[in-house]
């Protein structure tokens, strides 16, 4: 029987349109509307980069959600079915000030990817944090 953790995570070439308003909703809890609009615009313009699932969680100081979390389980099912996931939207942290990066959209996808393989190269768009 094949090891389920060897499933390949497949990705869309670009984030889905609904990911940007989702990112804005989350970021609006942290910053003003003007700053959020600026960060979301920067995310839209940012090129796709690749980072490992384990590094994304560490940089954002996020706990790995359990596999039975409804959204993680849904993404794991998509991975098993060979469906493509949407790239992640992130905002850089500030190392000198001890501010973690923010996963603006895609936390559940990062966790599902980690369960598949913690070294999964995840495509993401990364914007600078407001200063």
N, C-alpha and C. Protein backbone atom coordinates (compact mmCIF):
# COMPACT_ATOMS: atom_id res chain seq x y z
N UNK A 1 0.85 -1.18 0.00
CA UNK A 1 0.00 0.00 0.00
C UNK A 1 0.90 1.24 0.00
N UNK A 2 0.67 2.19 -0.91
CA UNK A 2 1.53 3.37 -0.97
C UNK A 2 1.34 4.26 0.26
N UNK A 3 2.40 4.96 0.61
CA UNK A 3 2.36 5.90 1.72
C UNK A 3 1.60 7.15 1.29
N UNK A 4 0.54 7.49 2.01
CA UNK A 4 -0.28 8.65 1.65
C UNK A 4 0.53 9.95 1.69
N UNK A 5 1.59 10.00 2.50
CA UNK A 5 2.38 11.21 2.61
C UNK A 5 3.26 11.45 1.39
N UNK A 6 3.23 10.55 0.44
CA UNK A 6 4.04 10.72 -0.77
C UNK A 6 3.23 11.34 -1.91
N UNK A 7 1.97 11.70 -1.63
CA UNK A 7 1.17 12.37 -2.64
C UNK A 7 1.85 13.68 -3.04
N UNK A 8 1.80 14.00 -4.30
CA UNK A 8 2.39 15.24 -4.77
C UNK A 8 1.36 16.36 -4.64
N UNK A 9 1.81 17.48 -4.10
CA UNK A 9 0.94 18.65 -4.01
C UNK A 9 1.08 19.40 -5.32
N UNK A 10 -0.05 19.63 -5.97
CA UNK A 10 -0.06 20.37 -7.24
C UNK A 10 -0.63 21.75 -6.98
N UNK A 11 -0.14 22.72 -7.74
CA UNK A 11 -0.49 24.11 -7.49
C UNK A 11 -0.98 24.80 -8.76
N UNK A 12 -1.87 25.76 -8.58
CA UNK A 12 -2.27 26.64 -9.67
C UNK A 12 -1.10 27.58 -9.96
N UNK A 13 -1.07 28.14 -11.14
CA UNK A 13 0.01 29.06 -11.52
C UNK A 13 -0.07 30.37 -10.74
N UNK A 14 -1.27 30.80 -10.40
CA UNK A 14 -1.50 32.07 -9.71
C UNK A 14 -2.58 31.88 -8.64
N UNK A 15 -2.57 32.72 -7.61
CA UNK A 15 -3.65 32.65 -6.61
C UNK A 15 -5.02 32.89 -7.28
N UNK A 16 -6.04 32.32 -6.68
CA UNK A 16 -7.39 32.52 -7.18
C UNK A 16 -7.87 33.92 -6.79
N UNK A 17 -8.77 34.47 -7.58
CA UNK A 17 -9.26 35.84 -7.36
C UNK A 17 -9.80 36.05 -5.95
N UNK A 18 -10.50 35.05 -5.40
CA UNK A 18 -11.11 35.22 -4.07
C UNK A 18 -10.08 35.23 -2.95
N UNK A 19 -8.83 34.85 -3.24
CA UNK A 19 -7.80 34.83 -2.20
C UNK A 19 -7.45 36.25 -1.73
N UNK A 20 -7.51 37.21 -2.63
CA UNK A 20 -7.13 38.58 -2.27
C UNK A 20 -8.12 39.22 -1.29
N UNK A 21 -9.44 39.13 -1.52
CA UNK A 21 -10.37 39.66 -0.51
C UNK A 21 -10.26 38.90 0.83
N UNK A 22 -9.97 37.61 0.76
CA UNK A 22 -9.78 36.84 2.00
C UNK A 22 -8.56 37.35 2.76
N UNK A 23 -7.48 37.62 2.03
CA UNK A 23 -6.28 38.18 2.65
C UNK A 23 -6.59 39.54 3.26
N UNK A 24 -7.35 40.36 2.53
CA UNK A 24 -7.70 41.69 3.03
C UNK A 24 -8.55 41.59 4.30
N UNK A 25 -9.48 40.65 4.35
CA UNK A 25 -10.30 40.47 5.55
C UNK A 25 -9.43 40.17 6.76
N UNK A 26 -8.47 39.26 6.58
CA UNK A 26 -7.57 38.91 7.68
C UNK A 26 -6.70 40.11 8.07
N UNK A 27 -6.07 40.72 7.09
CA UNK A 27 -5.16 41.83 7.36
C UNK A 27 -5.86 43.03 7.99
N UNK A 28 -7.17 43.17 7.72
CA UNK A 28 -7.92 44.30 8.29
C UNK A 28 -8.03 44.20 9.80
N UNK A 29 -7.75 43.03 10.35
CA UNK A 29 -7.71 42.87 11.81
C UNK A 29 -6.40 43.41 12.39
N UNK A 30 -5.42 43.65 11.51
CA UNK A 30 -4.09 44.06 11.96
C UNK A 30 -3.71 45.48 11.58
N UNK A 31 -4.34 46.01 10.52
CA UNK A 31 -3.93 47.32 9.99
C UNK A 31 -5.14 48.11 9.50
N UNK A 32 -4.90 49.37 9.20
CA UNK A 32 -5.95 50.25 8.68
C UNK A 32 -6.31 49.85 7.25
N UNK A 33 -7.46 50.30 6.80
CA UNK A 33 -7.93 49.98 5.45
C UNK A 33 -6.95 50.45 4.38
N UNK A 34 -6.36 51.64 4.58
CA UNK A 34 -5.41 52.17 3.59
C UNK A 34 -4.18 51.28 3.48
N UNK A 35 -3.66 50.85 4.62
CA UNK A 35 -2.48 49.98 4.62
C UNK A 35 -2.82 48.63 4.00
N UNK A 36 -3.97 48.09 4.36
CA UNK A 36 -4.40 46.80 3.81
C UNK A 36 -4.52 46.89 2.29
N UNK A 37 -5.13 47.95 1.79
CA UNK A 37 -5.27 48.12 0.34
C UNK A 37 -3.90 48.16 -0.34
N UNK A 38 -2.95 48.82 0.29
CA UNK A 38 -1.60 48.91 -0.25
C UNK A 38 -0.91 47.54 -0.26
N UNK A 39 -1.06 46.80 0.82
CA UNK A 39 -0.43 45.47 0.91
C UNK A 39 -1.07 44.52 -0.10
N UNK A 40 -2.38 44.54 -0.22
CA UNK A 40 -3.06 43.66 -1.18
C UNK A 40 -2.65 44.00 -2.61
N UNK A 41 -2.52 45.29 -2.91
CA UNK A 41 -2.05 45.69 -4.24
C UNK A 41 -0.63 45.16 -4.48
N UNK A 42 0.22 45.22 -3.45
CA UNK A 42 1.59 44.70 -3.58
C UNK A 42 1.57 43.18 -3.78
N UNK A 43 0.66 42.49 -3.10
CA UNK A 43 0.54 41.04 -3.28
C UNK A 43 0.14 40.71 -4.71
N UNK A 44 -0.79 41.46 -5.25
CA UNK A 44 -1.24 41.20 -6.63
C UNK A 44 -0.09 41.37 -7.62
N UNK A 45 0.80 42.34 -7.37
CA UNK A 45 1.92 42.62 -8.27
C UNK A 45 3.14 41.73 -8.03
N UNK A 46 3.19 41.09 -6.87
CA UNK A 46 4.38 40.31 -6.50
C UNK A 46 4.55 39.08 -7.40
N UNK A 47 5.80 38.74 -7.70
CA UNK A 47 6.04 37.51 -8.47
C UNK A 47 5.86 36.28 -7.58
N UNK A 48 5.63 35.16 -8.20
CA UNK A 48 5.56 33.90 -7.47
C UNK A 48 6.97 33.50 -7.05
N UNK A 49 7.09 33.14 -5.77
CA UNK A 49 8.33 32.58 -5.20
C UNK A 49 7.98 31.21 -4.64
N UNK A 50 8.97 30.48 -4.22
CA UNK A 50 8.73 29.17 -3.61
C UNK A 50 9.45 29.07 -2.28
N UNK A 51 8.72 28.57 -1.28
CA UNK A 51 9.28 28.34 0.05
C UNK A 51 8.76 27.00 0.57
N UNK A 52 9.49 26.41 1.48
CA UNK A 52 9.09 25.12 2.05
C UNK A 52 8.01 25.32 3.11
N UNK A 53 7.11 24.34 3.19
CA UNK A 53 6.00 24.40 4.16
C UNK A 53 6.52 24.63 5.56
N UNK A 54 7.55 23.90 5.96
CA UNK A 54 8.08 24.02 7.33
C UNK A 54 8.62 25.43 7.59
N UNK A 55 9.22 26.06 6.59
CA UNK A 55 9.78 27.39 6.77
C UNK A 55 8.69 28.46 6.86
N UNK A 56 7.62 28.27 6.10
CA UNK A 56 6.50 29.21 6.17
C UNK A 56 5.89 29.21 7.56
N UNK A 57 5.65 28.03 8.10
CA UNK A 57 5.07 27.94 9.45
C UNK A 57 6.00 28.55 10.49
N UNK A 58 7.30 28.29 10.37
CA UNK A 58 8.26 28.83 11.33
C UNK A 58 8.34 30.35 11.23
N UNK A 59 8.43 30.89 10.02
CA UNK A 59 8.55 32.34 9.84
C UNK A 59 7.31 33.07 10.35
N UNK A 60 6.16 32.44 10.21
CA UNK A 60 4.91 33.05 10.67
C UNK A 60 4.60 32.71 12.13
N UNK A 61 5.43 31.84 12.70
CA UNK A 61 5.22 31.38 14.09
C UNK A 61 3.83 30.78 14.28
N UNK A 62 3.42 30.01 13.29
CA UNK A 62 2.10 29.38 13.35
C UNK A 62 2.23 27.92 13.74
N UNK A 63 1.28 27.45 14.52
CA UNK A 63 1.20 26.04 14.87
C UNK A 63 0.64 25.26 13.68
N UNK A 64 1.07 24.04 13.56
CA UNK A 64 0.52 23.15 12.55
C UNK A 64 -0.88 22.74 12.98
N UNK A 65 -1.87 23.07 12.16
CA UNK A 65 -3.25 22.69 12.47
C UNK A 65 -3.41 21.18 12.34
N UNK A 66 -4.32 20.58 13.11
CA UNK A 66 -4.50 19.13 13.03
C UNK A 66 -5.08 18.68 11.68
N UNK A 67 -4.75 17.47 11.31
CA UNK A 67 -5.22 16.92 10.04
C UNK A 67 -6.74 16.86 9.97
N UNK A 68 -7.40 16.75 11.12
CA UNK A 68 -8.86 16.66 11.11
C UNK A 68 -9.55 18.02 11.16
N UNK A 69 -8.77 19.12 11.13
CA UNK A 69 -9.37 20.44 10.96
C UNK A 69 -10.13 20.41 9.63
N UNK A 70 -11.34 20.90 9.61
CA UNK A 70 -12.19 20.77 8.42
C UNK A 70 -11.53 21.30 7.15
N UNK A 71 -10.87 22.44 7.23
CA UNK A 71 -10.27 23.03 6.03
C UNK A 71 -8.98 22.31 5.62
N UNK A 72 -8.20 21.88 6.62
CA UNK A 72 -6.99 21.10 6.31
C UNK A 72 -7.40 19.78 5.68
N UNK A 73 -8.40 19.12 6.25
CA UNK A 73 -8.87 17.84 5.71
C UNK A 73 -9.38 18.02 4.28
N UNK A 74 -10.07 19.11 4.01
CA UNK A 74 -10.56 19.39 2.66
C UNK A 74 -9.40 19.55 1.68
N UNK A 75 -8.36 20.27 2.11
CA UNK A 75 -7.19 20.44 1.23
C UNK A 75 -6.43 19.14 1.06
N UNK A 76 -6.34 18.32 2.11
CA UNK A 76 -5.69 17.01 1.98
C UNK A 76 -6.44 16.14 0.97
N UNK A 77 -7.77 16.22 1.00
CA UNK A 77 -8.58 15.47 0.04
C UNK A 77 -8.30 15.96 -1.38
N UNK A 78 -8.21 17.26 -1.57
CA UNK A 78 -7.88 17.82 -2.89
C UNK A 78 -6.52 17.31 -3.37
N UNK A 79 -5.56 17.25 -2.45
CA UNK A 79 -4.22 16.76 -2.81
C UNK A 79 -4.31 15.31 -3.27
N UNK A 80 -5.02 14.48 -2.51
CA UNK A 80 -5.18 13.06 -2.88
C UNK A 80 -5.84 12.89 -4.24
N UNK A 81 -6.77 13.80 -4.56
CA UNK A 81 -7.50 13.74 -5.83
C UNK A 81 -6.71 14.37 -6.97
N UNK A 82 -5.55 14.92 -6.68
CA UNK A 82 -4.72 15.54 -7.71
C UNK A 82 -5.18 16.92 -8.13
N UNK A 83 -6.04 17.53 -7.33
CA UNK A 83 -6.51 18.88 -7.63
C UNK A 83 -5.44 19.90 -7.26
N UNK A 84 -5.43 21.00 -7.96
CA UNK A 84 -4.44 22.05 -7.72
C UNK A 84 -4.91 23.00 -6.62
N UNK A 85 -3.97 23.35 -5.75
CA UNK A 85 -4.24 24.31 -4.69
C UNK A 85 -3.78 25.69 -5.12
N UNK A 86 -4.36 26.69 -4.53
CA UNK A 86 -4.00 28.07 -4.83
C UNK A 86 -2.73 28.46 -4.06
N UNK A 87 -1.80 29.17 -4.70
CA UNK A 87 -0.62 29.66 -3.99
C UNK A 87 -0.99 30.50 -2.77
N UNK A 88 -0.04 30.65 -1.88
CA UNK A 88 -0.22 31.34 -0.61
C UNK A 88 0.06 32.84 -0.78
N UNK A 89 -0.60 33.65 0.03
CA UNK A 89 -0.34 35.08 0.08
C UNK A 89 0.26 35.40 1.45
N UNK A 90 1.46 36.00 1.45
CA UNK A 90 2.18 36.28 2.70
C UNK A 90 2.68 37.72 2.75
N UNK A 91 2.85 38.19 3.97
CA UNK A 91 3.45 39.49 4.23
C UNK A 91 4.71 39.23 5.06
N UNK A 92 5.82 39.84 4.65
CA UNK A 92 7.08 39.66 5.36
C UNK A 92 6.99 40.17 6.78
N UNK A 93 7.72 39.50 7.66
CA UNK A 93 7.86 39.97 9.02
C UNK A 93 9.05 40.92 9.11
N UNK A 94 9.47 41.17 10.32
CA UNK A 94 10.63 42.03 10.57
C UNK A 94 11.52 41.31 11.58
N UNK A 95 12.61 40.74 11.09
CA UNK A 95 13.51 39.96 11.93
C UNK A 95 14.09 40.80 13.07
N UNK A 96 14.56 42.00 12.76
CA UNK A 96 15.20 42.85 13.76
C UNK A 96 14.23 43.23 14.89
N UNK A 97 12.97 43.40 14.56
CA UNK A 97 11.96 43.79 15.57
C UNK A 97 11.20 42.60 16.14
N UNK A 98 11.50 41.39 15.65
CA UNK A 98 10.86 40.20 16.17
C UNK A 98 9.41 40.04 15.75
N UNK A 99 9.06 40.60 14.61
CA UNK A 99 7.68 40.53 14.11
C UNK A 99 7.59 39.39 13.10
N UNK A 100 6.72 38.41 13.34
CA UNK A 100 6.63 37.28 12.42
C UNK A 100 5.99 37.66 11.09
N UNK A 101 6.27 36.85 10.09
CA UNK A 101 5.58 36.98 8.80
C UNK A 101 4.10 36.65 9.03
N UNK A 102 3.26 37.09 8.10
CA UNK A 102 1.82 36.82 8.18
C UNK A 102 1.38 36.00 6.98
N UNK A 103 0.72 34.89 7.23
CA UNK A 103 0.08 34.16 6.14
C UNK A 103 -1.28 34.84 5.98
N UNK A 104 -1.38 35.72 4.99
CA UNK A 104 -2.60 36.48 4.78
C UNK A 104 -3.71 35.61 4.22
N UNK A 105 -3.34 34.62 3.42
CA UNK A 105 -4.31 33.65 2.90
C UNK A 105 -3.57 32.36 2.58
N UNK A 106 -4.09 31.25 3.08
CA UNK A 106 -3.52 29.95 2.73
C UNK A 106 -2.98 29.13 3.88
N UNK A 107 -3.26 29.53 5.11
CA UNK A 107 -2.77 28.80 6.29
C UNK A 107 -3.14 27.32 6.23
N UNK A 108 -4.38 27.02 5.88
CA UNK A 108 -4.82 25.62 5.82
C UNK A 108 -4.09 24.86 4.71
N UNK A 109 -3.83 25.54 3.59
CA UNK A 109 -3.12 24.89 2.48
C UNK A 109 -1.66 24.59 2.87
N UNK A 110 -1.06 25.49 3.64
CA UNK A 110 0.30 25.25 4.12
C UNK A 110 0.32 24.02 5.03
N UNK A 111 -0.64 23.93 5.93
CA UNK A 111 -0.71 22.79 6.84
C UNK A 111 -0.94 21.48 6.09
N UNK A 112 -1.85 21.48 5.14
CA UNK A 112 -2.10 20.28 4.35
C UNK A 112 -0.85 19.87 3.58
N UNK A 113 -0.15 20.84 3.04
CA UNK A 113 1.09 20.56 2.32
C UNK A 113 2.14 19.98 3.25
N UNK A 114 2.22 20.52 4.47
CA UNK A 114 3.17 20.02 5.46
C UNK A 114 2.89 18.55 5.76
N UNK A 115 1.63 18.21 5.94
CA UNK A 115 1.29 16.80 6.23
C UNK A 115 1.67 15.89 5.07
N UNK A 116 1.62 16.41 3.87
CA UNK A 116 2.00 15.62 2.70
C UNK A 116 3.51 15.46 2.65
N UNK A 117 4.22 16.57 2.88
CA UNK A 117 5.69 16.56 2.91
C UNK A 117 6.13 17.93 3.42
N UNK A 118 6.77 17.95 4.57
CA UNK A 118 7.16 19.25 5.16
C UNK A 118 8.11 20.04 4.28
N UNK A 119 8.75 19.37 3.32
CA UNK A 119 9.66 20.03 2.39
C UNK A 119 8.98 20.42 1.08
N UNK A 120 7.66 20.34 1.06
CA UNK A 120 6.91 20.76 -0.13
C UNK A 120 7.29 22.19 -0.48
N UNK A 121 7.63 22.42 -1.74
CA UNK A 121 7.87 23.78 -2.22
C UNK A 121 6.52 24.41 -2.53
N UNK A 122 6.18 25.41 -1.76
CA UNK A 122 4.88 26.06 -1.89
C UNK A 122 5.07 27.37 -2.66
N UNK A 123 4.30 27.55 -3.74
CA UNK A 123 4.36 28.84 -4.42
C UNK A 123 3.62 29.88 -3.59
N UNK A 124 4.21 31.05 -3.53
CA UNK A 124 3.59 32.11 -2.76
C UNK A 124 3.92 33.46 -3.35
N UNK A 125 3.08 34.42 -2.99
CA UNK A 125 3.36 35.82 -3.30
C UNK A 125 3.67 36.48 -1.96
N UNK A 126 4.75 37.25 -1.94
CA UNK A 126 5.25 37.83 -0.71
C UNK A 126 5.34 39.34 -0.85
N UNK A 127 4.66 40.05 0.04
CA UNK A 127 4.69 41.52 0.02
C UNK A 127 5.44 42.01 1.26
N UNK A 128 6.08 43.16 1.12
CA UNK A 128 6.74 43.79 2.27
C UNK A 128 5.69 44.29 3.25
N UNK A 129 6.04 44.22 4.52
CA UNK A 129 5.16 44.75 5.56
C UNK A 129 5.23 46.28 5.54
N UNK A 130 4.15 46.93 5.92
CA UNK A 130 4.20 48.38 6.00
C UNK A 130 5.17 48.82 7.10
N UNK A 131 5.86 49.92 6.89
CA UNK A 131 6.85 50.42 7.89
C UNK A 131 6.39 51.71 8.46
